[in-house]
Amino acid sequence: EPAIFTGSDKRIRYDSMGEAHIALAFQGASWTSEYAFPLMLMQTILGQWNRASAAGKNVSSKMGQDIAENELAYSYSTFNTNYKDTGLFGVYLVCPDNKLDDAMWYTLDNMVRLCHNVTDDEVERAKTQLKAGMMMQLDSFAGVAEDIGRQMLTYGRRMTSAEIFARIDAITTGDVKITANKVINDEDHALAAIGPIFELPDYNWIRRRSYWHRY
């Protein structure tokens, strides 16, 4: 029986902490799903950012630009975790206590944007970044061993880099939109948060912003 994803919300308020930690996730896909590779591209498009980064506000990700320019978080990262029969796709943020409302608005706006307005340029840039990142992970014996073990467990064989790159190159902007609509658009989410989260919007506020009204 496949795992059942249930919308949920767990919050632990500690006002004495210096920053709030929030993880927001939607149901993703298994390793063998047709949506696995488009989700990898979506993860790359949303990207990651840290205020200590030398890039500053000059990041390729639109979400990274929004977070940096409005000083909404100390850092954020997009995660795409695959399991045997399901997965988790979402964003982890570390924010100051007085920016949580705006941080969640921009986060959801950028995630839902993938359903409608993602551009060909963004997809092509993400393909290059994703392939480069995969090759960098194979730059050590440990990385290669982990890659072989993971692929043997999930696919029953090891795919060559050429095959993986071919699958990535075959993804279109339309595929990204279809995947985003399946995973994000008007779907339940799971949220976990700890810290000074008195400004963090409630579950229904976040759920309402998992879709756009399009007239």
N, C-alpha and C. Protein backbone atom coordinates (compact mmCIF):
# COMPACT_ATOMS: atom_id res chain seq x y z
N GLU A 1 0.84 -1.19 0.00
CA GLU A 1 0.00 0.00 0.00
C GLU A 1 0.88 1.26 0.00
N PRO A 2 0.63 2.18 -0.93
CA PRO A 2 1.41 3.43 -0.94
C PRO A 2 1.16 4.24 0.33
N ALA A 3 2.15 5.00 0.73
CA ALA A 3 1.99 5.88 1.89
C ALA A 3 0.93 6.94 1.59
N ILE A 4 0.19 7.32 2.61
CA ILE A 4 -0.87 8.32 2.45
C ILE A 4 -0.39 9.64 3.03
N PHE A 5 -0.37 10.65 2.20
CA PHE A 5 0.05 11.99 2.65
C PHE A 5 -1.14 12.69 3.29
N THR A 6 -0.93 13.24 4.48
CA THR A 6 -2.00 13.93 5.20
C THR A 6 -1.56 15.35 5.52
N GLY A 7 -2.37 16.32 5.16
CA GLY A 7 -2.08 17.70 5.51
C GLY A 7 -1.97 17.85 7.02
N SER A 8 -0.93 18.54 7.48
CA SER A 8 -0.70 18.60 8.92
C SER A 8 0.06 19.86 9.30
N ASP A 9 0.08 20.17 10.59
CA ASP A 9 0.68 21.41 11.06
C ASP A 9 1.18 21.20 12.48
N LYS A 10 2.49 21.29 12.69
CA LYS A 10 3.08 21.12 14.01
C LYS A 10 3.92 22.34 14.34
N ARG A 11 3.57 23.02 15.43
CA ARG A 11 4.27 24.25 15.80
C ARG A 11 4.71 24.18 17.26
N ILE A 12 5.95 24.57 17.50
CA ILE A 12 6.47 24.67 18.87
C ILE A 12 7.01 26.09 19.04
N ARG A 13 6.33 26.87 19.87
CA ARG A 13 6.71 28.28 20.02
C ARG A 13 7.72 28.45 21.15
N TYR A 14 8.89 28.98 20.76
CA TYR A 14 9.94 29.32 21.72
C TYR A 14 10.39 30.74 21.41
N ASP A 15 9.82 31.70 22.13
CA ASP A 15 10.14 33.10 21.87
C ASP A 15 11.58 33.45 22.24
N SER A 16 12.23 32.61 23.04
CA SER A 16 13.61 32.89 23.46
C SER A 16 14.62 32.55 22.37
N MET A 17 14.21 31.81 21.34
CA MET A 17 15.12 31.49 20.24
C MET A 17 15.37 32.71 19.38
N GLY A 18 16.51 32.77 18.75
CA GLY A 18 16.88 33.95 17.97
C GLY A 18 16.23 34.02 16.61
N GLU A 19 15.80 32.89 16.07
CA GLU A 19 15.17 32.88 14.76
C GLU A 19 14.16 31.75 14.69
N ALA A 20 13.27 31.86 13.73
CA ALA A 20 12.24 30.85 13.52
C ALA A 20 12.68 29.89 12.41
N HIS A 21 12.41 28.61 12.62
CA HIS A 21 12.74 27.58 11.63
C HIS A 21 11.42 26.99 11.13
N ILE A 22 11.22 27.03 9.80
CA ILE A 22 9.97 26.56 9.21
C ILE A 22 10.26 25.62 8.05
N ALA A 23 9.60 24.47 8.06
CA ALA A 23 9.66 23.55 6.92
C ALA A 23 8.26 23.38 6.39
N LEU A 24 8.08 23.66 5.10
CA LEU A 24 6.78 23.55 4.43
C LEU A 24 6.93 22.56 3.29
N ALA A 25 6.07 21.53 3.26
CA ALA A 25 6.23 20.48 2.26
C ALA A 25 4.90 20.07 1.66
N PHE A 26 4.96 19.70 0.38
CA PHE A 26 3.83 19.09 -0.33
C PHE A 26 4.22 17.65 -0.66
N GLN A 27 3.22 16.84 -0.99
CA GLN A 27 3.54 15.46 -1.39
C GLN A 27 4.28 15.47 -2.71
N GLY A 28 5.44 14.83 -2.72
CA GLY A 28 6.26 14.78 -3.93
C GLY A 28 6.04 13.49 -4.71
N ALA A 29 7.14 12.86 -5.11
CA ALA A 29 7.05 11.67 -5.95
C ALA A 29 8.11 10.66 -5.55
N SER A 30 7.89 9.41 -5.93
CA SER A 30 8.86 8.36 -5.67
C SER A 30 10.02 8.47 -6.66
N TRP A 31 11.08 7.70 -6.41
CA TRP A 31 12.24 7.72 -7.30
C TRP A 31 11.87 7.32 -8.72
N THR A 32 10.92 6.39 -8.86
CA THR A 32 10.59 5.84 -10.18
C THR A 32 9.41 6.55 -10.83
N SER A 33 8.90 7.60 -10.22
CA SER A 33 7.76 8.31 -10.78
C SER A 33 8.15 9.12 -12.01
N GLU A 34 7.19 9.34 -12.90
CA GLU A 34 7.41 10.18 -14.07
C GLU A 34 7.66 11.64 -13.68
N TYR A 35 7.29 11.98 -12.44
CA TYR A 35 7.46 13.36 -11.98
C TYR A 35 8.78 13.58 -11.24
N ALA A 36 9.59 12.53 -11.09
CA ALA A 36 10.81 12.64 -10.29
C ALA A 36 11.79 13.66 -10.87
N PHE A 37 12.06 13.58 -12.16
CA PHE A 37 13.03 14.50 -12.76
C PHE A 37 12.48 15.93 -12.89
N PRO A 38 11.20 16.13 -13.28
CA PRO A 38 10.67 17.50 -13.24
C PRO A 38 10.73 18.13 -11.85
N LEU A 39 10.54 17.33 -10.81
CA LEU A 39 10.65 17.87 -9.45
C LEU A 39 12.07 18.29 -9.13
N MET A 40 13.05 17.57 -9.65
CA MET A 40 14.44 17.99 -9.46
C MET A 40 14.67 19.36 -10.10
N LEU A 41 14.09 19.57 -11.28
CA LEU A 41 14.22 20.87 -11.94
C LEU A 41 13.51 21.96 -11.14
N MET A 42 12.32 21.64 -10.61
CA MET A 42 11.60 22.62 -9.80
C MET A 42 12.41 23.01 -8.57
N GLN A 43 13.07 22.04 -7.96
CA GLN A 43 13.93 22.32 -6.80
C GLN A 43 15.05 23.28 -7.20
N THR A 44 15.63 23.07 -8.37
CA THR A 44 16.73 23.92 -8.83
C THR A 44 16.22 25.31 -9.18
N ILE A 45 15.04 25.41 -9.76
CA ILE A 45 14.47 26.71 -10.13
C ILE A 45 14.22 27.55 -8.87
N LEU A 46 13.64 26.95 -7.84
CA LEU A 46 13.40 27.69 -6.60
C LEU A 46 14.71 28.00 -5.88
N GLY A 47 15.66 27.07 -5.96
CA GLY A 47 17.02 27.34 -5.50
C GLY A 47 17.18 27.41 -4.00
N GLN A 48 18.25 28.08 -3.59
CA GLN A 48 18.56 28.28 -2.18
C GLN A 48 19.32 29.58 -2.03
N TRP A 49 19.37 30.07 -0.80
CA TRP A 49 20.06 31.34 -0.56
C TRP A 49 20.44 31.43 0.91
N ASN A 50 21.58 32.09 1.14
CA ASN A 50 22.05 32.32 2.50
C ASN A 50 22.60 33.74 2.56
N ARG A 51 22.28 34.48 3.58
CA ARG A 51 22.71 35.88 3.64
C ARG A 51 24.22 36.03 3.74
N ALA A 52 24.91 34.94 4.13
CA ALA A 52 26.37 34.98 4.19
C ALA A 52 27.01 34.68 2.84
N SER A 53 26.19 34.35 1.84
CA SER A 53 26.71 34.02 0.52
C SER A 53 27.31 35.24 -0.16
N ALA A 54 28.39 35.02 -0.89
CA ALA A 54 29.03 36.11 -1.62
C ALA A 54 28.16 36.64 -2.74
N ALA A 55 27.18 35.85 -3.18
CA ALA A 55 26.31 36.27 -4.27
C ALA A 55 25.39 37.41 -3.85
N GLY A 56 25.09 37.49 -2.56
CA GLY A 56 24.20 38.55 -2.09
C GLY A 56 22.83 38.47 -2.73
N LYS A 57 22.40 39.57 -3.34
CA LYS A 57 21.10 39.61 -4.00
C LYS A 57 21.19 39.16 -5.46
N ASN A 58 22.39 38.89 -5.94
CA ASN A 58 22.58 38.55 -7.35
C ASN A 58 22.52 37.05 -7.58
N VAL A 59 21.34 36.49 -7.31
CA VAL A 59 21.14 35.05 -7.50
C VAL A 59 20.20 34.84 -8.68
N SER A 60 20.31 33.69 -9.32
CA SER A 60 19.50 33.42 -10.51
C SER A 60 18.05 33.13 -10.16
N SER A 61 17.81 32.57 -8.97
CA SER A 61 16.46 32.20 -8.57
C SER A 61 15.62 33.43 -8.26
N LYS A 62 14.40 33.47 -8.81
CA LYS A 62 13.50 34.58 -8.51
C LYS A 62 13.12 34.59 -7.04
N MET A 63 12.93 33.41 -6.48
CA MET A 63 12.60 33.34 -5.06
C MET A 63 13.77 33.85 -4.23
N GLY A 64 14.99 33.48 -4.62
CA GLY A 64 16.16 33.97 -3.91
C GLY A 64 16.26 35.48 -3.96
N GLN A 65 15.94 36.07 -5.11
CA GLN A 65 15.95 37.52 -5.25
C GLN A 65 14.92 38.16 -4.34
N ASP A 66 13.70 37.59 -4.32
CA ASP A 66 12.64 38.14 -3.47
C ASP A 66 13.02 38.08 -1.99
N ILE A 67 13.56 36.94 -1.56
CA ILE A 67 13.94 36.78 -0.16
C ILE A 67 15.08 37.74 0.20
N ALA A 68 16.08 37.86 -0.69
CA ALA A 68 17.24 38.69 -0.40
C ALA A 68 16.89 40.18 -0.41
N GLU A 69 16.17 40.62 -1.44
CA GLU A 69 15.87 42.04 -1.59
C GLU A 69 14.98 42.56 -0.47
N ASN A 70 14.09 41.71 0.03
CA ASN A 70 13.17 42.14 1.10
C ASN A 70 13.65 41.72 2.48
N GLU A 71 14.85 41.11 2.55
CA GLU A 71 15.46 40.69 3.82
C GLU A 71 14.47 39.88 4.66
N LEU A 72 13.88 38.86 4.03
CA LEU A 72 12.82 38.08 4.68
C LEU A 72 13.34 36.90 5.48
N ALA A 73 14.57 36.46 5.19
CA ALA A 73 15.09 35.27 5.87
C ALA A 73 16.60 35.35 5.96
N TYR A 74 17.14 34.61 6.93
CA TYR A 74 18.59 34.47 7.02
C TYR A 74 19.09 33.47 5.98
N SER A 75 18.25 32.48 5.69
CA SER A 75 18.58 31.49 4.68
C SER A 75 17.32 30.71 4.31
N TYR A 76 17.36 30.08 3.15
CA TYR A 76 16.31 29.14 2.79
C TYR A 76 16.91 28.11 1.84
N SER A 77 16.30 26.95 1.78
CA SER A 77 16.71 25.91 0.84
C SER A 77 15.48 25.13 0.40
N THR A 78 15.51 24.70 -0.84
CA THR A 78 14.43 23.89 -1.38
C THR A 78 14.84 22.42 -1.27
N PHE A 79 13.91 21.57 -0.84
CA PHE A 79 14.23 20.15 -0.73
C PHE A 79 13.27 19.31 -1.57
N ASN A 80 13.79 18.23 -2.10
CA ASN A 80 13.00 17.27 -2.87
C ASN A 80 13.44 15.88 -2.45
N THR A 81 12.72 15.29 -1.53
CA THR A 81 13.08 14.00 -0.95
C THR A 81 12.24 12.90 -1.57
N ASN A 82 12.90 11.92 -2.17
CA ASN A 82 12.19 10.81 -2.80
C ASN A 82 12.27 9.56 -1.94
N TYR A 83 11.15 8.84 -1.87
CA TYR A 83 11.11 7.56 -1.18
C TYR A 83 10.67 6.48 -2.18
N LYS A 84 10.41 5.29 -1.67
CA LYS A 84 10.05 4.18 -2.56
C LYS A 84 8.71 4.41 -3.24
N ASP A 85 7.72 4.94 -2.49
CA ASP A 85 6.37 5.07 -3.04
C ASP A 85 5.80 6.49 -3.00
N THR A 86 6.55 7.43 -2.47
CA THR A 86 6.07 8.81 -2.41
C THR A 86 7.28 9.71 -2.18
N GLY A 87 7.03 10.97 -1.84
CA GLY A 87 8.13 11.89 -1.61
C GLY A 87 7.65 13.15 -0.94
N LEU A 88 8.57 14.06 -0.66
CA LEU A 88 8.25 15.37 -0.08
C LEU A 88 8.97 16.44 -0.89
N PHE A 89 8.23 17.49 -1.24
CA PHE A 89 8.81 18.62 -1.96
C PHE A 89 8.45 19.89 -1.22
N GLY A 90 9.45 20.69 -0.87
CA GLY A 90 9.12 21.89 -0.12
C GLY A 90 10.30 22.80 0.10
N VAL A 91 10.13 23.70 1.07
CA VAL A 91 11.11 24.73 1.36
C VAL A 91 11.35 24.80 2.86
N TYR A 92 12.60 24.96 3.24
CA TYR A 92 12.99 25.15 4.64
C TYR A 92 13.56 26.56 4.79
N LEU A 93 13.02 27.32 5.74
CA LEU A 93 13.43 28.71 5.94
C LEU A 93 13.88 28.95 7.37
N VAL A 94 14.86 29.85 7.52
CA VAL A 94 15.26 30.36 8.83
C VAL A 94 15.04 31.87 8.77
N CYS A 95 14.09 32.36 9.59
CA CYS A 95 13.62 33.75 9.45
C CYS A 95 13.66 34.50 10.77
N PRO A 96 13.78 35.83 10.69
CA PRO A 96 13.57 36.64 11.89
C PRO A 96 12.10 36.62 12.27
N ASP A 97 11.80 36.85 13.54
CA ASP A 97 10.42 36.68 14.01
C ASP A 97 9.43 37.67 13.42
N ASN A 98 9.90 38.82 12.94
CA ASN A 98 8.98 39.84 12.43
C ASN A 98 8.81 39.82 10.91
N LYS A 99 9.31 38.76 10.27
CA LYS A 99 9.20 38.68 8.80
C LYS A 99 8.47 37.42 8.33
N LEU A 100 7.86 36.70 9.25
CA LEU A 100 7.29 35.40 8.90
C LEU A 100 6.12 35.52 7.94
N ASP A 101 5.26 36.50 8.15
CA ASP A 101 4.09 36.66 7.28
C ASP A 101 4.52 36.91 5.85
N ASP A 102 5.41 37.87 5.65
CA ASP A 102 5.88 38.19 4.30
C ASP A 102 6.69 37.05 3.70
N ALA A 103 7.49 36.39 4.52
CA ALA A 103 8.30 35.27 4.03
C ALA A 103 7.42 34.16 3.49
N MET A 104 6.35 33.84 4.19
CA MET A 104 5.45 32.78 3.72
C MET A 104 4.71 33.22 2.46
N TRP A 105 4.35 34.50 2.38
CA TRP A 105 3.65 34.97 1.18
C TRP A 105 4.54 34.83 -0.06
N TYR A 106 5.77 35.29 0.03
CA TYR A 106 6.68 35.20 -1.11
C TYR A 106 7.04 33.75 -1.43
N THR A 107 7.18 32.92 -0.41
CA THR A 107 7.50 31.51 -0.64
C THR A 107 6.39 30.84 -1.42
N LEU A 108 5.15 31.00 -0.98
CA LEU A 108 4.03 30.35 -1.67
C LEU A 108 3.80 30.96 -3.05
N ASP A 109 3.99 32.27 -3.17
CA ASP A 109 3.82 32.91 -4.47
C ASP A 109 4.80 32.34 -5.49
N ASN A 110 6.04 32.13 -5.07
CA ASN A 110 7.05 31.57 -5.98
C ASN A 110 6.80 30.10 -6.28
N MET A 111 6.28 29.36 -5.33
CA MET A 111 5.98 27.95 -5.58
C MET A 111 4.80 27.81 -6.54
N VAL A 112 3.74 28.56 -6.30
CA VAL A 112 2.56 28.48 -7.17
C VAL A 112 2.86 29.05 -8.55
N ARG A 113 3.80 29.99 -8.63
CA ARG A 113 4.17 30.55 -9.93
C ARG A 113 4.66 29.48 -10.89
N LEU A 114 5.25 28.41 -10.37
CA LEU A 114 5.72 27.33 -11.23
C LEU A 114 4.58 26.66 -11.99
N CYS A 115 3.37 26.78 -11.46
CA CYS A 115 2.20 26.19 -12.14
C CYS A 115 1.78 27.00 -13.36
N HIS A 116 2.17 28.28 -13.41
CA HIS A 116 1.61 29.18 -14.42
C HIS A 116 2.65 29.94 -15.24
N ASN A 117 3.65 30.53 -14.58
CA ASN A 117 4.50 31.52 -15.24
C ASN A 117 5.97 31.16 -15.35
N VAL A 118 6.33 29.92 -15.11
CA VAL A 118 7.75 29.57 -15.25
C VAL A 118 8.17 29.73 -16.71
N THR A 119 9.37 30.26 -16.94
CA THR A 119 9.80 30.59 -18.30
C THR A 119 10.74 29.53 -18.87
N ASP A 120 10.87 29.55 -20.20
CA ASP A 120 11.81 28.63 -20.86
C ASP A 120 13.24 28.89 -20.41
N ASP A 121 13.59 30.15 -20.22
CA ASP A 121 14.96 30.49 -19.79
C ASP A 121 15.25 29.91 -18.41
N GLU A 122 14.28 30.00 -17.50
CA GLU A 122 14.46 29.44 -16.16
C GLU A 122 14.67 27.93 -16.22
N VAL A 123 13.90 27.27 -17.07
CA VAL A 123 14.00 25.81 -17.17
C VAL A 123 15.34 25.41 -17.75
N GLU A 124 15.78 26.10 -18.79
CA GLU A 124 17.07 25.75 -19.41
C GLU A 124 18.23 26.02 -18.45
N ARG A 125 18.17 27.12 -17.72
CA ARG A 125 19.23 27.41 -16.75
C ARG A 125 19.24 26.36 -15.64
N ALA A 126 18.05 25.94 -15.20
CA ALA A 126 17.97 24.92 -14.16
C ALA A 126 18.52 23.59 -14.64
N LYS A 127 18.31 23.26 -15.90
CA LYS A 127 18.86 22.01 -16.44
C LYS A 127 20.39 22.01 -16.33
N THR A 128 21.00 23.12 -16.72
CA THR A 128 22.46 23.22 -16.65
C THR A 128 22.95 23.13 -15.21
N GLN A 129 22.28 23.84 -14.30
CA GLN A 129 22.66 23.82 -12.89
C GLN A 129 22.49 22.42 -12.30
N LEU A 130 21.39 21.75 -12.64
CA LEU A 130 21.13 20.42 -12.10
C LEU A 130 22.18 19.42 -12.57
N LYS A 131 22.51 19.45 -13.85
CA LYS A 131 23.52 18.52 -14.37
C LYS A 131 24.89 18.80 -13.75
N ALA A 132 25.24 20.07 -13.60
CA ALA A 132 26.52 20.41 -12.97
C ALA A 132 26.56 19.93 -11.53
N GLY A 133 25.45 20.12 -10.80
CA GLY A 133 25.39 19.68 -9.41
C GLY A 133 25.52 18.17 -9.28
N MET A 134 24.89 17.44 -10.21
CA MET A 134 24.99 15.97 -10.17
C MET A 134 26.42 15.51 -10.40
N MET A 135 27.12 16.15 -11.32
CA MET A 135 28.50 15.76 -11.59
C MET A 135 29.41 16.10 -10.41
N MET A 136 29.14 17.21 -9.74
CA MET A 136 29.95 17.60 -8.58
C MET A 136 29.78 16.60 -7.43
N GLN A 137 28.60 16.01 -7.33
CA GLN A 137 28.36 15.02 -6.27
C GLN A 137 29.16 13.74 -6.50
N LEU A 138 29.61 13.53 -7.74
CA LEU A 138 30.37 12.32 -8.06
C LEU A 138 31.87 12.59 -8.04
N ASP A 139 32.28 13.64 -7.33
CA ASP A 139 33.68 14.06 -7.33
C ASP A 139 34.48 13.39 -6.22
N SER A 140 33.91 12.33 -5.62
CA SER A 140 34.63 11.59 -4.58
C SER A 140 34.20 10.14 -4.61
N PHE A 141 35.02 9.26 -4.03
CA PHE A 141 34.67 7.84 -3.97
C PHE A 141 33.39 7.63 -3.19
N ALA A 142 33.21 8.39 -2.11
CA ALA A 142 32.01 8.25 -1.29
C ALA A 142 30.76 8.64 -2.07
N GLY A 143 30.87 9.74 -2.85
CA GLY A 143 29.74 10.18 -3.65
C GLY A 143 29.36 9.16 -4.71
N VAL A 144 30.36 8.57 -5.35
CA VAL A 144 30.09 7.55 -6.38
C VAL A 144 29.46 6.32 -5.74
N ALA A 145 29.99 5.89 -4.60
CA ALA A 145 29.45 4.71 -3.92
C ALA A 145 27.99 4.94 -3.50
N GLU A 146 27.71 6.14 -2.97
CA GLU A 146 26.34 6.46 -2.57
C GLU A 146 25.41 6.46 -3.79
N ASP A 147 25.88 7.01 -4.90
CA ASP A 147 25.08 7.07 -6.11
C ASP A 147 24.77 5.66 -6.63
N ILE A 148 25.77 4.80 -6.65
CA ILE A 148 25.58 3.42 -7.12
C ILE A 148 24.58 2.70 -6.21
N GLY A 149 24.76 2.81 -4.90
CA GLY A 149 23.86 2.14 -3.96
C GLY A 149 22.43 2.61 -4.08
N ARG A 150 22.24 3.93 -4.18
CA ARG A 150 20.89 4.49 -4.28
C ARG A 150 20.19 4.02 -5.56
N GLN A 151 20.92 4.07 -6.67
CA GLN A 151 20.30 3.68 -7.93
C GLN A 151 20.01 2.18 -7.99
N MET A 152 20.87 1.37 -7.41
CA MET A 152 20.60 -0.07 -7.39
C MET A 152 19.37 -0.38 -6.55
N LEU A 153 19.19 0.35 -5.45
CA LEU A 153 18.02 0.13 -4.60
C LEU A 153 16.74 0.62 -5.25
N THR A 154 16.82 1.72 -5.97
CA THR A 154 15.60 2.33 -6.52
C THR A 154 15.27 1.86 -7.93
N TYR A 155 16.29 1.71 -8.79
CA TYR A 155 16.04 1.36 -10.19
C TYR A 155 16.42 -0.09 -10.52
N GLY A 156 17.23 -0.71 -9.66
CA GLY A 156 17.70 -2.05 -9.96
C GLY A 156 18.89 -2.07 -10.90
N ARG A 157 19.39 -0.92 -11.26
CA ARG A 157 20.55 -0.79 -12.13
C ARG A 157 21.10 0.62 -11.95
N ARG A 158 22.30 0.84 -12.47
CA ARG A 158 22.86 2.19 -12.42
C ARG A 158 22.75 2.84 -13.78
N MET A 159 22.06 3.99 -13.83
CA MET A 159 21.96 4.74 -15.07
C MET A 159 23.26 5.50 -15.32
N THR A 160 23.66 5.58 -16.55
CA THR A 160 24.85 6.35 -16.89
C THR A 160 24.53 7.84 -16.82
N SER A 161 25.56 8.65 -16.71
CA SER A 161 25.36 10.10 -16.71
C SER A 161 24.70 10.55 -18.01
N ALA A 162 25.05 9.91 -19.12
CA ALA A 162 24.46 10.28 -20.41
C ALA A 162 22.96 10.03 -20.40
N GLU A 163 22.52 8.92 -19.81
CA GLU A 163 21.08 8.63 -19.76
C GLU A 163 20.35 9.62 -18.86
N ILE A 164 20.96 9.93 -17.72
CA ILE A 164 20.35 10.90 -16.81
C ILE A 164 20.24 12.26 -17.47
N PHE A 165 21.31 12.69 -18.15
CA PHE A 165 21.29 13.99 -18.83
C PHE A 165 20.24 14.00 -19.93
N ALA A 166 20.08 12.89 -20.64
CA ALA A 166 19.07 12.81 -21.70
C ALA A 166 17.67 12.98 -21.11
N ARG A 167 17.44 12.39 -19.96
CA ARG A 167 16.12 12.52 -19.32
C ARG A 167 15.89 13.97 -18.86
N ILE A 168 16.93 14.60 -18.37
CA ILE A 168 16.79 16.00 -17.95
C ILE A 168 16.54 16.89 -19.16
N ASP A 169 17.31 16.69 -20.23
CA ASP A 169 17.16 17.52 -21.42
C ASP A 169 15.79 17.36 -22.08
N ALA A 170 15.15 16.20 -21.87
CA ALA A 170 13.85 15.95 -22.49
C ALA A 170 12.71 16.67 -21.79
N ILE A 171 12.96 17.22 -20.60
CA ILE A 171 11.91 17.90 -19.85
C ILE A 171 11.62 19.26 -20.49
N THR A 172 10.36 19.56 -20.67
CA THR A 172 9.94 20.84 -21.26
C THR A 172 9.36 21.75 -20.17
N THR A 173 9.16 23.01 -20.54
CA THR A 173 8.50 23.94 -19.62
C THR A 173 7.10 23.45 -19.28
N GLY A 174 6.43 22.87 -20.26
CA GLY A 174 5.10 22.31 -20.03
C GLY A 174 5.12 21.19 -19.00
N ASP A 175 6.16 20.35 -19.04
CA ASP A 175 6.29 19.27 -18.06
C ASP A 175 6.42 19.83 -16.65
N VAL A 176 7.20 20.91 -16.51
CA VAL A 176 7.37 21.53 -15.19
C VAL A 176 6.02 22.06 -14.69
N LYS A 177 5.26 22.71 -15.56
CA LYS A 177 3.95 23.24 -15.15
C LYS A 177 2.99 22.13 -14.76
N ILE A 178 2.99 21.04 -15.53
CA ILE A 178 2.11 19.91 -15.22
C ILE A 178 2.47 19.32 -13.85
N THR A 179 3.77 19.15 -13.61
CA THR A 179 4.22 18.59 -12.33
C THR A 179 3.88 19.53 -11.18
N ALA A 180 4.11 20.83 -11.37
CA ALA A 180 3.80 21.80 -10.32
C ALA A 180 2.32 21.82 -10.01
N ASN A 181 1.49 21.71 -11.04
CA ASN A 181 0.04 21.68 -10.81
C ASN A 181 -0.38 20.44 -10.04
N LYS A 182 0.27 19.32 -10.29
CA LYS A 182 -0.06 18.09 -9.58
C LYS A 182 0.39 18.15 -8.12
N VAL A 183 1.57 18.71 -7.89
CA VAL A 183 2.17 18.66 -6.55
C VAL A 183 1.73 19.82 -5.67
N ILE A 184 1.63 21.03 -6.24
CA ILE A 184 1.45 22.24 -5.43
C ILE A 184 0.05 22.83 -5.54
N ASN A 185 -0.46 22.94 -6.74
CA ASN A 185 -1.68 23.72 -6.98
C ASN A 185 -2.90 23.17 -6.23
N ASP A 186 -3.38 23.95 -5.24
CA ASP A 186 -4.57 23.60 -4.46
C ASP A 186 -4.42 22.24 -3.78
N GLU A 187 -3.23 21.97 -3.23
CA GLU A 187 -2.98 20.70 -2.55
C GLU A 187 -2.69 20.95 -1.06
N ASP A 188 -3.00 19.94 -0.25
CA ASP A 188 -2.69 20.03 1.17
C ASP A 188 -1.18 20.04 1.40
N HIS A 189 -0.77 20.61 2.51
CA HIS A 189 0.66 20.69 2.83
C HIS A 189 0.89 20.19 4.25
N ALA A 190 2.15 19.93 4.55
CA ALA A 190 2.57 19.62 5.92
C ALA A 190 3.57 20.69 6.35
N LEU A 191 3.40 21.20 7.56
CA LEU A 191 4.28 22.26 8.04
C LEU A 191 4.79 21.92 9.44
N ALA A 192 6.07 22.17 9.66
CA ALA A 192 6.66 22.05 11.00
C ALA A 192 7.43 23.33 11.28
N ALA A 193 7.25 23.89 12.48
CA ALA A 193 7.91 25.16 12.80
C ALA A 193 8.27 25.19 14.27
N ILE A 194 9.40 25.84 14.57
CA ILE A 194 9.84 26.01 15.95
C ILE A 194 10.53 27.37 16.08
N GLY A 195 10.39 27.98 17.24
CA GLY A 195 11.01 29.27 17.47
C GLY A 195 9.99 30.35 17.77
N PRO A 196 10.35 31.62 17.61
CA PRO A 196 9.42 32.72 17.85
C PRO A 196 8.47 32.87 16.66
N ILE A 197 7.45 32.03 16.62
CA ILE A 197 6.59 31.92 15.43
C ILE A 197 5.23 32.59 15.63
N PHE A 198 5.18 33.60 16.48
CA PHE A 198 3.90 34.25 16.77
C PHE A 198 3.31 34.94 15.54
N GLU A 199 4.15 35.28 14.54
CA GLU A 199 3.64 35.92 13.32
C GLU A 199 3.40 34.92 12.18
N LEU A 200 3.70 33.64 12.40
CA LEU A 200 3.53 32.65 11.34
C LEU A 200 2.05 32.44 11.05
N PRO A 201 1.61 32.64 9.79
CA PRO A 201 0.19 32.46 9.46
C PRO A 201 -0.30 31.05 9.77
N ASP A 202 -1.61 30.91 9.99
CA ASP A 202 -2.15 29.61 10.35
C ASP A 202 -2.29 28.69 9.12
N TYR A 203 -2.70 27.45 9.37
CA TYR A 203 -2.76 26.44 8.30
C TYR A 203 -3.67 26.88 7.17
N ASN A 204 -4.86 27.41 7.49
CA ASN A 204 -5.81 27.78 6.45
C ASN A 204 -5.31 28.93 5.58
N TRP A 205 -4.57 29.88 6.19
CA TRP A 205 -3.99 30.99 5.42
C TRP A 205 -3.01 30.44 4.39
N ILE A 206 -2.17 29.51 4.81
CA ILE A 206 -1.19 28.93 3.89
C ILE A 206 -1.88 28.07 2.84
N ARG A 207 -2.87 27.29 3.27
CA ARG A 207 -3.60 26.42 2.33
C ARG A 207 -4.28 27.25 1.25
N ARG A 208 -4.83 28.38 1.64
CA ARG A 208 -5.52 29.25 0.68
C ARG A 208 -4.57 29.80 -0.37
N ARG A 209 -3.30 29.93 -0.04
CA ARG A 209 -2.33 30.50 -0.97
C ARG A 209 -1.55 29.43 -1.74
N SER A 210 -2.08 28.22 -1.75
CA SER A 210 -1.48 27.16 -2.58
C SER A 210 -2.04 27.20 -3.99
N TYR A 211 -2.84 28.21 -4.30
CA TYR A 211 -3.38 28.36 -5.65
C TYR A 211 -3.65 29.84 -5.92
N TRP A 212 -3.73 30.18 -7.20
CA TRP A 212 -4.09 31.53 -7.64
C TRP A 212 -5.48 31.51 -8.21
N HIS A 213 -6.21 32.60 -8.01
CA HIS A 213 -7.47 32.79 -8.74
C HIS A 213 -7.12 33.30 -10.13
N ARG A 214 -7.52 32.56 -11.14
CA ARG A 214 -7.21 32.95 -12.53
C ARG A 214 -8.52 33.21 -13.27
N TYR A 215 -8.79 34.47 -13.57
CA TYR A 215 -10.02 34.82 -14.27
C TYR A 215 -9.73 35.19 -15.71
